[in-house]
Amino acid sequence: MPSVRLDDFTCGISTFSNDVRMLLNNAAYSDVTFIVENKPIYAWKGLLCARSEVFRAMFFSSLRESAENTIEITGMSFSTFWRVIEYIY
């Protein structure tokens, strides 16, 4: 069986982080919508759960939000919640 040297392969710069950011606030790929100050923020539960214990608890517990796809956020401004979601992504 022929051996393969890793030196023979070139790998371009990863686009993973840009690809993931494409999911941020993209209604076409979202499975949850947060309503903050009457404005939607579209997100993906899988990514939120993978990156945040708070969202993991929200979506995989007996909380009401675990069964909903539209969640109203109160007590936080749109810009603050947006920054939280943006950081997670």
C-alpha atoms as a PDB file:
ATOM      1  CA  MET A   1       0.000   0.000   0.000  1.00  0.00           C
ATOM      2  CA  PRO A   2       1.535   3.341  -0.993  1.00  0.00           C
ATOM      3  CA  SER A   3       2.265   5.782   1.770  1.00  0.00           C
ATOM      4  CA  VAL A   4       1.019   9.347   1.694  1.00  0.00           C
ATOM      5  CA  ARG A   5       3.085  12.193   3.045  1.00  0.00           C
ATOM      6  CA  LEU A   6       1.343  15.122   4.657  1.00  0.00           C
ATOM      7  CA  ASP A   7       3.901  17.366   2.991  1.00  0.00           C
ATOM      8  CA  ASP A   8       2.216  16.544  -0.300  1.00  0.00           C
ATOM      9  CA  PHE A   9      -0.983  18.313   0.724  1.00  0.00           C
ATOM     10  CA  THR A  10      -1.626  21.995   0.986  1.00  0.00           C
ATOM     11  CA  CYS A  11      -4.440  23.307   3.064  1.00  0.00           C
ATOM     12  CA  GLY A  12      -5.942  26.712   2.504  1.00  0.00           C
ATOM     13  CA  ILE A  13      -7.021  29.041   5.238  1.00  0.00           C
ATOM     14  CA  SER A  14     -10.045  27.694   7.088  1.00  0.00           C
ATOM     15  CA  THR A  15     -13.331  29.393   6.368  1.00  0.00           C
ATOM     16  CA  PHE A  16     -15.089  27.711   9.286  1.00  0.00           C
ATOM     17  CA  SER A  17     -15.598  30.816  11.416  1.00  0.00           C
ATOM     18  CA  ASN A  18     -16.936  32.783   8.457  1.00  0.00           C
ATOM     19  CA  ASP A  19     -19.191  29.885   7.509  1.00  0.00           C
ATOM     20  CA  VAL A  20     -20.615  29.703  11.031  1.00  0.00           C
ATOM     21  CA  ARG A  21     -21.166  33.467  11.129  1.00  0.00           C
ATOM     22  CA  MET A  22     -23.239  33.051   7.963  1.00  0.00           C
ATOM     23  CA  LEU A  23     -25.745  31.228  10.175  1.00  0.00           C
ATOM     24  CA  LEU A  24     -26.079  34.242  12.469  1.00  0.00           C
ATOM     25  CA  ASN A  25     -29.423  35.981  12.039  1.00  0.00           C
ATOM     26  CA  ASN A  26     -30.146  34.034   8.860  1.00  0.00           C
ATOM     27  CA  ALA A  27     -33.823  33.082   8.729  1.00  0.00           C
ATOM     28  CA  ALA A  28     -33.194  30.451   6.051  1.00  0.00           C
ATOM     29  CA  TYR A  29     -30.980  28.378   8.374  1.00  0.00           C
ATOM     30  CA  SER A  30     -32.509  29.135  11.767  1.00  0.00           C
ATOM     31  CA  ASP A  31     -34.550  26.872  13.993  1.00  0.00           C
ATOM     32  CA  VAL A  32     -35.225  29.429  16.730  1.00  0.00           C
ATOM     33  CA  THR A  33     -36.239  33.084  16.638  1.00  0.00           C
ATOM     34  CA  PHE A  34     -35.692  35.413  19.557  1.00  0.00           C
ATOM     35  CA  ILE A  35     -37.927  38.465  19.719  1.00  0.00           C
ATOM     36  CA  VAL A  36     -36.176  41.322  21.496  1.00  0.00           C
ATOM     37  CA  GLU A  37     -37.791  44.755  21.607  1.00  0.00           C
ATOM     38  CA  ASN A  38     -40.173  43.532  18.866  1.00  0.00           C
ATOM     39  CA  LYS A  39     -37.254  42.687  16.523  1.00  0.00           C
ATOM     40  CA  PRO A  40     -36.309  39.141  15.476  1.00  0.00           C
ATOM     41  CA  ILE A  41     -32.918  37.529  15.878  1.00  0.00           C
ATOM     42  CA  TYR A  42     -32.640  34.207  14.055  1.00  0.00           C
ATOM     43  CA  ALA A  43     -30.362  31.531  15.471  1.00  0.00           C
ATOM     44  CA  TRP A  44     -29.510  27.851  15.443  1.00  0.00           C
ATOM     45  CA  LYS A  45     -30.207  25.886  18.630  1.00  0.00           C
ATOM     46  CA  GLY A  46     -27.388  23.405  18.014  1.00  0.00           C
ATOM     47  CA  LEU A  47     -24.729  26.085  17.978  1.00  0.00           C
ATOM     48  CA  LEU A  48     -26.215  27.926  20.949  1.00  0.00           C
ATOM     49  CA  CYS A  49     -26.311  24.717  22.999  1.00  0.00           C
ATOM     50  CA  ALA A  50     -22.796  23.708  22.027  1.00  0.00           C
ATOM     51  CA  ARG A  51     -21.403  27.073  23.099  1.00  0.00           C
ATOM     52  CA  SER A  52     -23.537  28.023  26.113  1.00  0.00           C
ATOM     53  CA  GLU A  53     -24.675  26.158  29.206  1.00  0.00           C
ATOM     54  CA  VAL A  54     -27.493  28.684  29.617  1.00  0.00           C
ATOM     55  CA  PHE A  55     -28.944  27.926  26.193  1.00  0.00           C
ATOM     56  CA  ARG A  56     -28.354  24.193  26.694  1.00  0.00           C
ATOM     57  CA  ALA A  57     -30.431  24.368  29.881  1.00  0.00           C
ATOM     58  CA  MET A  58     -33.060  26.475  28.141  1.00  0.00           C
ATOM     59  CA  PHE A  59     -33.552  24.089  25.233  1.00  0.00           C
ATOM     60  CA  PHE A  60     -33.013  20.723  26.963  1.00  0.00           C
ATOM     61  CA  SER A  61     -34.987  21.006  30.159  1.00  0.00           C
ATOM     62  CA  SER A  62     -38.529  21.327  31.328  1.00  0.00           C
ATOM     63  CA  LEU A  63     -38.466  25.057  30.651  1.00  0.00           C
ATOM     64  CA  ARG A  64     -41.221  26.344  28.401  1.00  0.00           C
ATOM     65  CA  GLU A  65     -38.626  27.511  25.857  1.00  0.00           C
ATOM     66  CA  SER A  66     -37.508  23.946  25.166  1.00  0.00           C
ATOM     67  CA  ALA A  67     -40.706  23.334  23.182  1.00  0.00           C
ATOM     68  CA  GLU A  68     -40.874  26.695  21.417  1.00  0.00           C
ATOM     69  CA  ASN A  69     -39.249  28.015  18.276  1.00  0.00           C
ATOM     70  CA  THR A  70     -40.068  31.669  18.962  1.00  0.00           C
ATOM     71  CA  ILE A  71     -38.872  33.053  22.276  1.00  0.00           C
ATOM     72  CA  GLU A  72     -39.505  36.528  23.575  1.00  0.00           C
ATOM     73  CA  ILE A  73     -36.621  38.039  25.513  1.00  0.00           C
ATOM     74  CA  THR A  74     -37.541  40.665  28.078  1.00  0.00           C
ATOM     75  CA  GLY A  75     -35.405  42.660  30.454  1.00  0.00           C
ATOM     76  CA  MET A  76     -32.547  43.027  27.977  1.00  0.00           C
ATOM     77  CA  SER A  77     -32.058  45.496  25.153  1.00  0.00           C
ATOM     78  CA  PHE A  78     -31.858  44.333  21.564  1.00  0.00           C
ATOM     79  CA  SER A  79     -28.256  45.542  21.243  1.00  0.00           C
ATOM     80  CA  THR A  80     -27.154  43.690  24.384  1.00  0.00           C
ATOM     81  CA  PHE A  81     -28.807  40.416  23.367  1.00  0.00           C
ATOM     82  CA  TRP A  82     -27.407  40.813  19.855  1.00  0.00           C
ATOM     83  CA  ARG A  83     -23.890  41.132  21.276  1.00  0.00           C
ATOM     84  CA  VAL A  84     -24.383  37.986  23.370  1.00  0.00           C
ATOM     85  CA  ILE A  85     -25.539  35.997  20.332  1.00  0.00           C
ATOM     86  CA  GLU A  86     -22.800  37.472  18.174  1.00  0.00           C
ATOM     87  CA  TYR A  87     -20.167  36.459  20.756  1.00  0.00           C
ATOM     88  CA  ILE A  88     -21.515  32.904  20.805  1.00  0.00           C
ATOM     89  CA  TYR A  89     -21.261  32.715  17.028  1.00  0.00           C
END
